[in-house]
Amino acid sequence: MGIGSGIALVVIGAILVFAINVDTGGYVNLDMIGYILMAAGVLVFLISLIFVMRRRQTDSVARTTVDPASGDRVTRRSVSDNDPIV
């Protein structure tokens, strides 16, 4: 499940709560099912966002060498960001 699934659950739940007015004879409470679907959708959406943010990775590399001409130490640092969000 991902971000789209969470949004879909919220939309389906909102349709059940606010748009459908059907008398089921007391067997099924469509409003309660809609609220449960909306809560589950929000939960799935937030968990998906947390996992997307955790996948970001940053690599930092530092290399130290000696300059042959002057004898000084030279440190090069490179940072690469592997960002999955495009």
Protein backbone atom coordinates (compact mmCIF):
# COMPACT_ATOMS: atom_id res chain seq x y z
CA MET A 1 0.00 0.00 0.00
CA GLY A 2 1.19 3.45 -0.67
CA ILE A 3 0.22 7.06 -0.73
CA GLY A 4 -2.37 6.48 -3.46
CA SER A 5 -4.00 3.68 -1.50
CA GLY A 6 -4.33 5.92 1.54
CA ILE A 7 -5.95 8.66 -0.51
CA ALA A 8 -8.31 6.13 -2.12
CA LEU A 9 -9.40 4.82 1.28
CA VAL A 10 -10.12 8.35 2.50
CA VAL A 11 -12.16 9.12 -0.61
CA ILE A 12 -14.18 5.89 -0.41
CA GLY A 13 -14.83 6.48 3.28
CA ALA A 14 -15.94 10.06 2.66
CA ILE A 15 -18.32 8.88 -0.06
CA LEU A 16 -19.83 6.34 2.33
CA VAL A 17 -20.23 8.90 5.11
CA PHE A 18 -21.34 12.02 3.27
CA ALA A 19 -22.81 10.96 -0.08
CA ILE A 20 -24.67 7.71 0.41
CA ASN A 21 -27.98 7.74 2.25
CA VAL A 22 -29.19 4.13 2.17
CA ASP A 23 -31.30 2.47 4.86
CA THR A 24 -29.85 -1.00 5.45
CA GLY A 25 -32.41 -1.95 8.08
CA GLY A 26 -29.98 -1.65 10.97
CA TYR A 27 -27.72 -4.48 9.80
CA VAL A 28 -24.85 -2.33 8.55
CA ASN A 29 -23.92 1.17 9.66
CA LEU A 30 -22.41 2.71 6.51
CA ASP A 31 -21.39 5.87 8.37
CA MET A 32 -19.25 3.89 10.81
CA ILE A 33 -17.65 1.90 7.97
CA GLY A 34 -16.91 5.18 6.19
CA TYR A 35 -15.27 6.69 9.28
CA ILE A 36 -13.19 3.53 9.75
CA LEU A 37 -12.06 3.65 6.10
CA MET A 38 -11.14 7.34 6.41
CA ALA A 39 -9.11 6.69 9.58
CA ALA A 40 -7.36 3.73 7.94
CA GLY A 41 -6.64 5.87 4.86
CA VAL A 42 -5.04 8.61 6.94
CA LEU A 43 -2.97 6.02 8.80
CA VAL A 44 -1.78 4.36 5.55
CA PHE A 45 -0.98 7.77 4.05
CA LEU A 46 1.11 8.84 7.06
CA ILE A 47 2.99 5.54 7.27
CA SER A 48 3.76 5.73 3.53
CA LEU A 49 5.10 9.26 3.93
CA ILE A 50 7.33 8.16 6.81
CA PHE A 51 8.76 5.30 4.75
CA VAL A 52 9.39 7.58 1.76
CA MET A 53 11.24 10.07 3.95
CA ARG A 54 13.34 7.31 5.58
CA ARG A 55 14.54 6.03 2.19
CA ARG A 56 16.52 9.17 1.57
CA GLN A 57 20.21 8.40 1.85
CA THR A 58 23.23 10.67 1.92
CA ASP A 59 26.77 9.39 1.42
CA SER A 60 29.69 11.50 2.52
CA VAL A 61 33.24 10.59 1.51
CA ALA A 62 36.42 12.34 2.70
CA ARG A 63 39.78 11.60 1.08
CA THR A 64 43.06 12.94 2.38
CA THR A 65 46.18 12.89 0.21
CA VAL A 66 49.54 14.62 0.24
CA ASP A 67 50.25 17.14 -2.50
CA PRO A 68 53.55 16.09 -4.10
CA ALA A 69 54.50 19.65 -5.09
CA SER A 70 54.07 21.40 -1.75
CA GLY A 71 53.90 18.51 0.72
CA ASP A 72 50.64 19.78 2.18
CA ARG A 73 47.73 17.54 3.06
CA VAL A 74 44.73 17.95 0.77
CA THR A 75 41.28 16.80 1.88
CA ARG A 76 38.49 16.35 -0.64
CA ARG A 77 34.94 15.84 0.47
CA SER A 78 32.13 14.69 -1.76
CA VAL A 79 28.48 14.32 -0.84
CA SER A 80 26.01 12.36 -2.93
CA ASP A 81 22.30 12.37 -2.21
CA ASN A 82 20.35 9.34 -3.42
CA ASP A 83 16.91 10.95 -3.40
CA PRO A 84 14.15 8.52 -4.51
CA ILE A 85 11.63 11.33 -4.95
CA VAL A 86 11.80 12.56 -8.51
